[in-house]
Amino acid sequence: MIRIHRGVEPAALTTARASELPRVQALAATRPPTQDDIGGRYKVAHDALWNAQHYKCCYCESREQSKRNDVEHFRPKSQADRRPGSHVDHGYWWLAWTWENLLFSCRNCNQYPAKSGKFPLAEGSAVLQQRQLPPGQERPLLIDPAAESGIEHIQFVWMPHGVAKTGKWLPRPRNGSRRGAWSIRVCQLDRPDLLDLYGQHVEQNVMPMVEDLRVTMRGGSNAGVQRQWSRTLLRLLNPAQLYIGLSHDVLDHFIPAVVRKKHTLDLRLP
C-alpha cells in the first residue's frame, strides 16, 4: 500500500453531490439513510480514480480492470463498524459524494469478508456527527492511502518454510504499528491468493533486478552501480508498477543499508 494522489475532482461528481446530498439530508432528518437511499451516483468518479491510481487497487496494489471493481468509501457511507473505538454504527452518508473520501479498490479488499463497512477507531475517539467533516476527534486505525504511505506502517518480511528454502513474503506491522496491523487484517492483505501474487512478482520482476545489481557490484565501478540502482528504482518503484511496497522491502532485504551506504545508494520512500 503506497500513497496515491487523486488529482482534481471530476465535474460530474460535483454535480452529483449538488443533487444527491440535499435529497439524502432530507431523509436523514427522519431516519438513518440506507445504501439504497444513497444510490450510486458517486460512481461517476470511478474512471477518474482508476486512472489516478494507475489502474491499481488502493489497498493491495494489484492491477485491476475498470469494470466490476469498486468506488470505495474510506469512511463507509451507510453503516460503519467502528469497534474497538466505538459501538456507534451510523454511516458517513454525507461523505458519499466527497472526492476526498473516495478511492478505487478491488472487490477482494473492499467487500465482505474484507473491509466492507469496517472502519475501526482507536479507543477514546469521538465519532463524527452528521455533516461534520473529518477528521474531527476520530483516530482511524486504518491507513488512508490518499493521506500517507502504507510503507510507513506495513513491512513485507520473508518467512522461510521447510528445508527447501521455500517461503512467502508476508505483510507485517512495521515497528509494531497498530494501524499497520489493523489495515492488514481488515483489508485481508495476507490472503492466500495475494501471497501467491506477491511471490510471483518478486520472482519475475524484483529478483532479476537484484541479480543484475549484484553482478554490477562485483565487477563494476561505483558509478556503474549507481546507474544500475537508478534503473532498478525506476523499474520497480515508479507509481505505475505493481506492489511497490513489496518491491521496496525486498530491495531493502537483499541490498541492505550497509551495502547501500558503501555505494551511496538511496532507497527512497515511495
C-alpha atoms as a PDB file:
ATOM      1  CA  MET A   1       0.000   0.000   0.000  1.00  0.00           C
ATOM      2  CA  ILE A   2       1.524   3.294  -1.104  1.00  0.00           C
ATOM      3  CA  ARG A   3       0.316   6.859  -1.089  1.00  0.00           C
ATOM      4  CA  ILE A   4      -1.911   7.794  -4.003  1.00  0.00           C
ATOM      5  CA  HIS A   5      -2.757  11.185  -5.478  1.00  0.00           C
ATOM      6  CA  ARG A   6      -6.292  11.624  -6.748  1.00  0.00           C
ATOM      7  CA  GLY A   7      -5.812  14.843  -8.645  1.00  0.00           C
ATOM      8  CA  VAL A   8      -8.688  17.216  -9.403  1.00  0.00           C
ATOM      9  CA  GLU A   9     -12.266  16.286  -8.543  1.00  0.00           C
ATOM     10  CA  PRO A  10     -14.241  15.437 -11.705  1.00  0.00           C
ATOM     11  CA  ALA A  11     -17.022  17.873 -12.544  1.00  0.00           C
ATOM     12  CA  ALA A  12     -19.535  15.010 -12.736  1.00  0.00           C
ATOM     13  CA  LEU A  13     -19.005  14.246  -9.037  1.00  0.00           C
ATOM     14  CA  THR A  14     -19.527  17.898  -8.099  1.00  0.00           C
ATOM     15  CA  THR A  15     -22.807  17.830  -9.995  1.00  0.00           C
ATOM     16  CA  ALA A  16     -23.889  14.562  -8.394  1.00  0.00           C
ATOM     17  CA  ARG A  17     -23.157  15.883  -4.905  1.00  0.00           C
ATOM     18  CA  ALA A  18     -25.154  19.053  -5.509  1.00  0.00           C
ATOM     19  CA  SER A  19     -28.161  16.923  -6.431  1.00  0.00           C
ATOM     20  CA  GLU A  20     -27.857  13.930  -4.119  1.00  0.00           C
ATOM     21  CA  LEU A  21     -26.665  15.416  -0.839  1.00  0.00           C
ATOM     22  CA  PRO A  22     -29.764  17.607  -0.194  1.00  0.00           C
ATOM     23  CA  ARG A  23     -32.029  14.689  -1.065  1.00  0.00           C
ATOM     24  CA  VAL A  24     -30.365  12.301   1.389  1.00  0.00           C
ATOM     25  CA  GLN A  25     -30.006  15.017   4.018  1.00  0.00           C
ATOM     26  CA  ALA A  26     -33.798  15.407   3.999  1.00  0.00           C
ATOM     27  CA  LEU A  27     -34.202  11.665   4.585  1.00  0.00           C
ATOM     28  CA  ALA A  28     -31.648  11.759   7.403  1.00  0.00           C
ATOM     29  CA  ALA A  29     -33.856  14.152   9.323  1.00  0.00           C
ATOM     30  CA  THR A  30     -36.253  11.256   9.965  1.00  0.00           C
ATOM     31  CA  ARG A  31     -34.114   8.097   9.840  1.00  0.00           C
ATOM     32  CA  PRO A  32     -30.586   6.877   9.069  1.00  0.00           C
ATOM     33  CA  PRO A  33     -30.140   6.703   5.270  1.00  0.00           C
ATOM     34  CA  THR A  34     -29.624   3.230   3.846  1.00  0.00           C
ATOM     35  CA  GLN A  35     -27.383   2.182   0.977  1.00  0.00           C
ATOM     36  CA  ASP A  36     -30.434   2.141  -1.284  1.00  0.00           C
ATOM     37  CA  ASP A  37     -31.282   5.695  -0.219  1.00  0.00           C
ATOM     38  CA  ILE A  38     -27.787   6.877  -1.097  1.00  0.00           C
ATOM     39  CA  GLY A  39     -27.847   5.229  -4.502  1.00  0.00           C
ATOM     40  CA  GLY A  40     -24.857   5.005  -6.790  1.00  0.00           C
ATOM     41  CA  ARG A  41     -24.229   8.360  -8.446  1.00  0.00           C
ATOM     42  CA  TYR A  42     -20.865   8.608  -6.674  1.00  0.00           C
ATOM     43  CA  LYS A  43     -19.729   6.050  -9.267  1.00  0.00           C
ATOM     44  CA  VAL A  44     -19.244   8.905 -11.732  1.00  0.00           C
ATOM     45  CA  ALA A  45     -15.830   9.236 -10.013  1.00  0.00           C
ATOM     46  CA  HIS A  46     -14.871   5.668 -10.944  1.00  0.00           C
ATOM     47  CA  ASP A  47     -12.800   6.257 -14.070  1.00  0.00           C
ATOM     48  CA  ALA A  48     -11.017   9.319 -12.666  1.00  0.00           C
ATOM     49  CA  LEU A  49      -9.957   7.317  -9.596  1.00  0.00           C
ATOM     50  CA  TRP A  50      -8.957   4.290 -11.659  1.00  0.00           C
ATOM     51  CA  ASN A  51      -6.736   6.424 -13.860  1.00  0.00           C
ATOM     52  CA  ALA A  52      -5.257   8.430 -10.971  1.00  0.00           C
ATOM     53  CA  GLN A  53      -4.289   5.193  -9.207  1.00  0.00           C
ATOM     54  CA  HIS A  54      -2.622   3.776 -12.321  1.00  0.00           C
ATOM     55  CA  TYR A  55      -5.342   1.091 -12.584  1.00  0.00           C
ATOM     56  CA  LYS A  56      -4.380  -0.374  -9.204  1.00  0.00           C
ATOM     57  CA  CYS A  57      -6.328  -1.169  -6.047  1.00  0.00           C
ATOM     58  CA  CYS A  58      -5.620   1.447  -3.389  1.00  0.00           C
ATOM     59  CA  TYR A  59      -5.035  -1.231  -0.747  1.00  0.00           C
ATOM     60  CA  CYS A  60      -3.352  -4.312  -2.229  1.00  0.00           C
ATOM     61  CA  GLU A  61      -1.716  -2.598  -5.257  1.00  0.00           C
ATOM     62  CA  SER A  62      -2.962  -5.260  -7.670  1.00  0.00           C
ATOM     63  CA  ARG A  63      -3.731  -4.016 -11.167  1.00  0.00           C
ATOM     64  CA  GLU A  64      -7.452  -4.233 -11.876  1.00  0.00           C
ATOM     65  CA  GLN A  65      -9.731  -3.864 -14.854  1.00  0.00           C
ATOM     66  CA  SER A  66     -12.035  -0.885 -14.690  1.00  0.00           C
ATOM     67  CA  LYS A  67     -15.313  -2.767 -14.701  1.00  0.00           C
ATOM     68  CA  ARG A  68     -16.673  -4.894 -11.861  1.00  0.00           C
ATOM     69  CA  ASN A  69     -14.485  -3.164  -9.296  1.00  0.00           C
ATOM     70  CA  ASP A  70     -15.479  -0.632  -6.692  1.00  0.00           C
ATOM     71  CA  VAL A  71     -15.561   3.020  -5.834  1.00  0.00           C
ATOM     72  CA  GLU A  72     -14.535   2.577  -2.226  1.00  0.00           C
ATOM     73  CA  HIS A  73     -15.647   4.898   0.578  1.00  0.00           C
ATOM     74  CA  PHE A  74     -12.802   5.181   3.066  1.00  0.00           C
ATOM     75  CA  ARG A  75     -15.374   6.197   5.656  1.00  0.00           C
ATOM     76  CA  PRO A  76     -18.285   3.813   4.919  1.00  0.00           C
ATOM     77  CA  LYS A  77     -21.347   5.521   3.544  1.00  0.00           C
ATOM     78  CA  SER A  78     -24.356   3.709   5.073  1.00  0.00           C
ATOM     79  CA  GLN A  79     -23.184   1.764   8.131  1.00  0.00           C
ATOM     80  CA  ALA A  80     -19.834   1.650   9.919  1.00  0.00           C
ATOM     81  CA  ASP A  81     -18.372  -0.896  12.320  1.00  0.00           C
ATOM     82  CA  ARG A  82     -16.109   1.310  14.442  1.00  0.00           C
ATOM     83  CA  ARG A  83     -15.030  -1.269  17.015  1.00  0.00           C
ATOM     84  CA  PRO A  84     -12.894  -1.248  19.145  1.00  0.00           C
ATOM     85  CA  GLY A  85     -13.188   2.527  19.482  1.00  0.00           C
ATOM     86  CA  SER A  86     -16.965   2.869  19.373  1.00  0.00           C
ATOM     87  CA  HIS A  87     -20.172   0.869  19.035  1.00  0.00           C
ATOM     88  CA  VAL A  88     -21.943   3.732  17.223  1.00  0.00           C
ATOM     89  CA  ASP A  89     -22.701   2.358  13.768  1.00  0.00           C
ATOM     90  CA  HIS A  90     -24.227   5.129  11.629  1.00  0.00           C
ATOM     91  CA  GLY A  91     -22.594   5.608   8.236  1.00  0.00           C
ATOM     92  CA  TYR A  92     -20.943   8.714   6.847  1.00  0.00           C
ATOM     93  CA  TRP A  93     -23.721   9.294   4.321  1.00  0.00           C
ATOM     94  CA  TRP A  94     -22.836  12.994   3.943  1.00  0.00           C
ATOM     95  CA  LEU A  95     -19.394  11.986   2.604  1.00  0.00           C
ATOM     96  CA  ALA A  96     -20.790   9.601  -0.020  1.00  0.00           C
ATOM     97  CA  TRP A  97     -20.022  12.073  -2.851  1.00  0.00           C
ATOM     98  CA  THR A  98     -16.939  13.676  -1.290  1.00  0.00           C
ATOM     99  CA  TRP A  99     -13.862  13.332  -3.514  1.00  0.00           C
ATOM    100  CA  GLU A 100     -11.505  13.119  -0.527  1.00  0.00           C
ATOM    101  CA  ASN A 101     -13.409  10.072   0.784  1.00  0.00           C
ATOM    102  CA  LEU A 102     -13.366   8.070  -2.457  1.00  0.00           C
ATOM    103  CA  LEU A 103     -10.832   5.511  -3.694  1.00  0.00           C
ATOM    104  CA  PHE A 104     -10.657   2.823  -6.361  1.00  0.00           C
ATOM    105  CA  SER A 105     -10.496  -0.661  -4.838  1.00  0.00           C
ATOM    106  CA  CYS A 106     -10.653  -4.273  -5.920  1.00  0.00           C
ATOM    107  CA  ARG A 107     -13.577  -6.273  -4.606  1.00  0.00           C
ATOM    108  CA  ASN A 108     -11.308  -8.653  -2.685  1.00  0.00           C
ATOM    109  CA  CYS A 109     -10.094  -5.795  -0.483  1.00  0.00           C
ATOM    110  CA  ASN A 110     -13.333  -3.826  -0.319  1.00  0.00           C
ATOM    111  CA  GLN A 111     -16.168  -6.334   0.006  1.00  0.00           C
ATOM    112  CA  TYR A 112     -17.092  -8.822   2.744  1.00  0.00           C
ATOM    113  CA  PRO A 113     -15.310 -10.602   4.383  1.00  0.00           C
ATOM    114  CA  ALA A 114     -12.680  -7.858   3.913  1.00  0.00           C
ATOM    115  CA  LYS A 115     -13.245  -4.138   4.576  1.00  0.00           C
ATOM    116  CA  SER A 116     -16.909  -3.709   3.632  1.00  0.00           C
ATOM    117  CA  GLY A 117     -18.349  -1.441   6.374  1.00  0.00           C
ATOM    118  CA  LYS A 118     -15.444  -1.816   8.781  1.00  0.00           C
ATOM    119  CA  PHE A 119     -13.898   1.424   9.998  1.00  0.00           C
ATOM    120  CA  PRO A 120     -12.131   0.693  13.301  1.00  0.00           C
ATOM    121  CA  LEU A 121     -11.326   3.651  15.512  1.00  0.00           C
ATOM    122  CA  ALA A 122      -8.885   3.876  18.381  1.00  0.00           C
ATOM    123  CA  GLU A 123     -10.350   3.837  21.853  1.00  0.00           C
ATOM    124  CA  GLY A 124     -11.383   7.279  23.040  1.00  0.00           C
ATOM    125  CA  SER A 125     -12.247   8.585  19.563  1.00  0.00           C
ATOM    126  CA  ALA A 126     -15.216  10.914  19.239  1.00  0.00           C
ATOM    127  CA  VAL A 127     -17.318   9.783  16.272  1.00  0.00           C
ATOM    128  CA  LEU A 128     -18.094  12.361  13.590  1.00  0.00           C
ATOM    129  CA  GLN A 129     -21.668  13.575  13.743  1.00  0.00           C
ATOM    130  CA  GLN A 130     -23.883  14.332  10.750  1.00  0.00           C
ATOM    131  CA  ARG A 131     -22.367  16.844   8.309  1.00  0.00           C
ATOM    132  CA  GLN A 132     -19.152  17.104  10.397  1.00  0.00           C
ATOM    133  CA  LEU A 133     -16.035  16.993   8.241  1.00  0.00           C
ATOM    134  CA  PRO A 134     -13.169  14.619   9.010  1.00  0.00           C
ATOM    135  CA  PRO A 135     -11.031  14.050  10.884  1.00  0.00           C
ATOM    136  CA  GLY A 136     -12.579  15.786  13.901  1.00  0.00           C
ATOM    137  CA  GLN A 137     -11.646  13.803  17.006  1.00  0.00           C
ATOM    138  CA  GLU A 138     -11.695  10.455  15.212  1.00  0.00           C
ATOM    139  CA  ARG A 139      -8.498   8.395  15.214  1.00  0.00           C
ATOM    140  CA  PRO A 140      -8.903   5.769  12.459  1.00  0.00           C
ATOM    141  CA  LEU A 141      -6.956   2.542  12.790  1.00  0.00           C
ATOM    142  CA  LEU A 142      -6.982   2.105   9.019  1.00  0.00           C
ATOM    143  CA  ILE A 143      -4.368   3.703   6.790  1.00  0.00           C
ATOM    144  CA  ASP A 144      -5.812   6.193   4.335  1.00  0.00           C
ATOM    145  CA  PRO A 145      -3.674   5.655   1.209  1.00  0.00           C
ATOM    146  CA  ALA A 146      -4.553   9.141  -0.045  1.00  0.00           C
ATOM    147  CA  ALA A 147      -3.113  10.707   3.109  1.00  0.00           C
ATOM    148  CA  GLU A 148       0.071   8.734   3.763  1.00  0.00           C
ATOM    149  CA  SER A 149       2.190   5.865   2.519  1.00  0.00           C
ATOM    150  CA  GLY A 150       1.340   2.442   3.881  1.00  0.00           C
ATOM    151  CA  ILE A 151       5.056   1.642   3.751  1.00  0.00           C
ATOM    152  CA  GLU A 152       5.387   3.623   6.979  1.00  0.00           C
ATOM    153  CA  HIS A 153       3.153   1.078   8.723  1.00  0.00           C
ATOM    154  CA  ILE A 154       3.410  -2.190   6.765  1.00  0.00           C
ATOM    155  CA  GLN A 155       6.593  -4.172   6.119  1.00  0.00           C
ATOM    156  CA  PHE A 156       6.975  -7.233   3.905  1.00  0.00           C
ATOM    157  CA  VAL A 157       9.043  -9.925   5.614  1.00  0.00           C
ATOM    158  CA  TRP A 158      10.412 -13.138   4.116  1.00  0.00           C
ATOM    159  CA  MET A 159       9.151 -16.138   6.078  1.00  0.00           C
ATOM    160  CA  PRO A 160      11.020 -19.327   5.064  1.00  0.00           C
ATOM    161  CA  HIS A 161       9.293 -22.683   5.123  1.00  0.00           C
ATOM    162  CA  GLY A 162      10.962 -26.072   5.480  1.00  0.00           C
ATOM    163  CA  VAL A 163      14.452 -27.020   4.360  1.00  0.00           C
ATOM    164  CA  ALA A 164      13.938 -26.339   0.647  1.00  0.00           C
ATOM    165  CA  LYS A 165      14.346 -22.571   1.123  1.00  0.00           C
ATOM    166  CA  THR A 166      10.768 -22.004   0.073  1.00  0.00           C
ATOM    167  CA  GLY A 167       8.612 -19.437   1.794  1.00  0.00           C
ATOM    168  CA  LYS A 168       6.421 -16.406   1.363  1.00  0.00           C
ATOM    169  CA  TRP A 169       6.652 -12.637   1.627  1.00  0.00           C
ATOM    170  CA  LEU A 170       4.194 -11.704   4.367  1.00  0.00           C
ATOM    171  CA  PRO A 171       2.894  -8.231   5.250  1.00  0.00           C
ATOM    172  CA  ARG A 172       3.562  -7.413   8.897  1.00  0.00           C
ATOM    173  CA  PRO A 173       3.156  -4.270  11.036  1.00  0.00           C
ATOM    174  CA  ARG A 174       6.302  -2.176  10.657  1.00  0.00           C
ATOM    175  CA  ASN A 175       7.851  -1.487  14.057  1.00  0.00           C
ATOM    176  CA  GLY A 176       4.706  -2.869  15.682  1.00  0.00           C
ATOM    177  CA  SER A 177       2.414  -0.312  14.026  1.00  0.00           C
ATOM    178  CA  ARG A 178      -1.116  -0.813  15.283  1.00  0.00           C
ATOM    179  CA  ARG A 179      -2.556   0.859  12.196  1.00  0.00           C
ATOM    180  CA  GLY A 180      -0.484  -1.431  10.010  1.00  0.00           C
ATOM    181  CA  ALA A 181      -1.862  -4.463  11.855  1.00  0.00           C
ATOM    182  CA  TRP A 182      -5.463  -3.300  11.511  1.00  0.00           C
ATOM    183  CA  SER A 183      -5.075  -2.423   7.834  1.00  0.00           C
ATOM    184  CA  ILE A 184      -3.632  -5.864   7.057  1.00  0.00           C
ATOM    185  CA  ARG A 185      -6.433  -7.543   8.999  1.00  0.00           C
ATOM    186  CA  VAL A 186      -9.370  -5.506   7.715  1.00  0.00           C
ATOM    187  CA  CYS A 187      -8.332  -5.498   4.031  1.00  0.00           C
ATOM    188  CA  GLN A 188      -7.010  -9.066   4.263  1.00  0.00           C
ATOM    189  CA  LEU A 189      -3.679  -8.116   2.713  1.00  0.00           C
ATOM    190  CA  ASP A 190      -2.305 -11.515   3.738  1.00  0.00           C
ATOM    191  CA  ARG A 191      -4.976 -13.606   1.966  1.00  0.00           C
ATOM    192  CA  PRO A 192      -3.512 -16.728   0.290  1.00  0.00           C
ATOM    193  CA  ASP A 193      -4.118 -15.748  -3.337  1.00  0.00           C
ATOM    194  CA  LEU A 194      -2.498 -12.366  -2.757  1.00  0.00           C
ATOM    195  CA  LEU A 195       0.532 -14.008  -1.127  1.00  0.00           C
ATOM    196  CA  ASP A 196       0.933 -16.084  -4.287  1.00  0.00           C
ATOM    197  CA  LEU A 197       0.859 -12.924  -6.412  1.00  0.00           C
ATOM    198  CA  TYR A 198       3.453 -11.330  -4.125  1.00  0.00           C
ATOM    199  CA  GLY A 199       5.744 -14.315  -4.603  1.00  0.00           C
ATOM    200  CA  GLN A 200       5.288 -14.299  -8.360  1.00  0.00           C
ATOM    201  CA  HIS A 201       6.082 -10.593  -8.527  1.00  0.00           C
ATOM    202  CA  VAL A 202       9.278 -11.000  -6.512  1.00  0.00           C
ATOM    203  CA  GLU A 203      10.444 -13.952  -8.608  1.00  0.00           C
ATOM    204  CA  GLN A 204       9.646 -12.463 -12.012  1.00  0.00           C
ATOM    205  CA  ASN A 205      10.283  -8.755 -11.519  1.00  0.00           C
ATOM    206  CA  VAL A 206      12.340  -7.984  -8.421  1.00  0.00           C
ATOM    207  CA  MET A 207      14.936 -10.764  -8.240  1.00  0.00           C
ATOM    208  CA  PRO A 208      16.231 -10.266 -11.806  1.00  0.00           C
ATOM    209  CA  MET A 209      16.949  -6.637 -10.895  1.00  0.00           C
ATOM    210  CA  VAL A 210      18.609  -7.719  -7.639  1.00  0.00           C
ATOM    211  CA  GLU A 211      20.826 -10.185  -9.503  1.00  0.00           C
ATOM    212  CA  ASP A 212      21.823  -7.517 -12.038  1.00  0.00           C
ATOM    213  CA  LEU A 213      22.766  -5.246  -9.146  1.00  0.00           C
ATOM    214  CA  ARG A 214      24.859  -7.956  -7.518  1.00  0.00           C
ATOM    215  CA  VAL A 215      26.740  -8.602 -10.760  1.00  0.00           C
ATOM    216  CA  THR A 216      27.404  -4.900 -11.203  1.00  0.00           C
ATOM    217  CA  MET A 217      28.605  -4.578  -7.615  1.00  0.00           C
ATOM    218  CA  ARG A 218      31.089  -7.404  -8.085  1.00  0.00           C
ATOM    219  CA  GLY A 219      32.643  -6.143 -11.287  1.00  0.00           C
ATOM    220  CA  GLY A 220      31.627  -2.587 -11.974  1.00  0.00           C
ATOM    221  CA  SER A 221      32.620   0.862 -10.860  1.00  0.00           C
ATOM    222  CA  ASN A 222      30.649   2.693  -8.213  1.00  0.00           C
ATOM    223  CA  ALA A 223      29.232   4.930 -10.951  1.00  0.00           C
ATOM    224  CA  GLY A 224      28.028   1.792 -12.751  1.00  0.00           C
ATOM    225  CA  VAL A 225      26.400   0.532  -9.561  1.00  0.00           C
ATOM    226  CA  GLN A 226      24.609   3.841  -9.121  1.00  0.00           C
ATOM    227  CA  ARG A 227      23.335   3.776 -12.705  1.00  0.00           C
ATOM    228  CA  GLN A 228      22.046   0.231 -12.251  1.00  0.00           C
ATOM    229  CA  TRP A 229      20.418   1.245  -8.958  1.00  0.00           C
ATOM    230  CA  SER A 230      18.664   4.162 -10.656  1.00  0.00           C
ATOM    231  CA  ARG A 231      17.319   1.814 -13.331  1.00  0.00           C
ATOM    232  CA  THR A 232      16.127  -0.566 -10.611  1.00  0.00           C
ATOM    233  CA  LEU A 233      14.230   2.148  -8.748  1.00  0.00           C
ATOM    234  CA  LEU A 234      12.706   3.461 -11.963  1.00  0.00           C
ATOM    235  CA  ARG A 235      11.570  -0.034 -12.911  1.00  0.00           C
ATOM    236  CA  LEU A 236      10.233  -1.168  -9.535  1.00  0.00           C
ATOM    237  CA  LEU A 237       9.193   1.911  -7.564  1.00  0.00           C
ATOM    238  CA  ASN A 238       7.537   4.189 -10.099  1.00  0.00           C
ATOM    239  CA  PRO A 239       3.828   4.770  -9.298  1.00  0.00           C
ATOM    240  CA  ALA A 240       2.522   2.685 -12.218  1.00  0.00           C
ATOM    241  CA  GLN A 241       4.237  -0.517 -11.070  1.00  0.00           C
ATOM    242  CA  LEU A 242       2.631  -3.317  -9.086  1.00  0.00           C
ATOM    243  CA  TYR A 243       3.316  -3.978  -5.411  1.00  0.00           C
ATOM    244  CA  ILE A 244       5.665  -1.061  -4.822  1.00  0.00           C
ATOM    245  CA  GLY A 245       5.595  -1.548  -1.063  1.00  0.00           C
ATOM    246  CA  LEU A 246       6.672  -5.153  -1.508  1.00  0.00           C
ATOM    247  CA  SER A 247       9.413  -4.246  -4.012  1.00  0.00           C
ATOM    248  CA  HIS A 248      10.750  -1.600  -1.611  1.00  0.00           C
ATOM    249  CA  ASP A 249      11.113  -4.123   1.210  1.00  0.00           C
ATOM    250  CA  VAL A 250      12.586  -6.861  -0.986  1.00  0.00           C
ATOM    251  CA  LEU A 251      15.265  -4.413  -2.133  1.00  0.00           C
ATOM    252  CA  ASP A 252      15.915  -3.448   1.467  1.00  0.00           C
ATOM    253  CA  HIS A 253      16.241  -7.135   2.361  1.00  0.00           C
ATOM    254  CA  PHE A 254      18.671  -8.129  -0.390  1.00  0.00           C
ATOM    255  CA  ILE A 255      20.545  -4.818  -0.721  1.00  0.00           C
ATOM    256  CA  PRO A 256      20.661  -3.833   2.977  1.00  0.00           C
ATOM    257  CA  ALA A 257      21.547  -0.438   4.376  1.00  0.00           C
ATOM    258  CA  VAL A 258      25.211  -1.295   4.978  1.00  0.00           C
ATOM    259  CA  VAL A 259      25.641  -2.187   1.286  1.00  0.00           C
ATOM    260  CA  ARG A 260      23.698   0.863   0.111  1.00  0.00           C
ATOM    261  CA  LYS A 261      25.861   3.106   2.269  1.00  0.00           C
ATOM    262  CA  LYS A 262      29.028   1.649   0.744  1.00  0.00           C
ATOM    263  CA  HIS A 263      27.823   2.504  -2.764  1.00  0.00           C
ATOM    264  CA  THR A 264      25.969   5.725  -1.820  1.00  0.00           C
ATOM    265  CA  LEU A 265      22.575   4.332  -2.801  1.00  0.00           C
ATOM    266  CA  ASP A 266      19.371   5.935  -1.605  1.00  0.00           C
ATOM    267  CA  LEU A 267      16.287   3.767  -1.085  1.00  0.00           C
ATOM    268  CA  ARG A 268      13.580   6.400  -1.080  1.00  0.00           C
ATOM    269  CA  LEU A 269      10.144   6.001   0.423  1.00  0.00           C
ATOM    270  CA  PRO A 270       7.574   5.939  -2.398  1.00  0.00           C
END
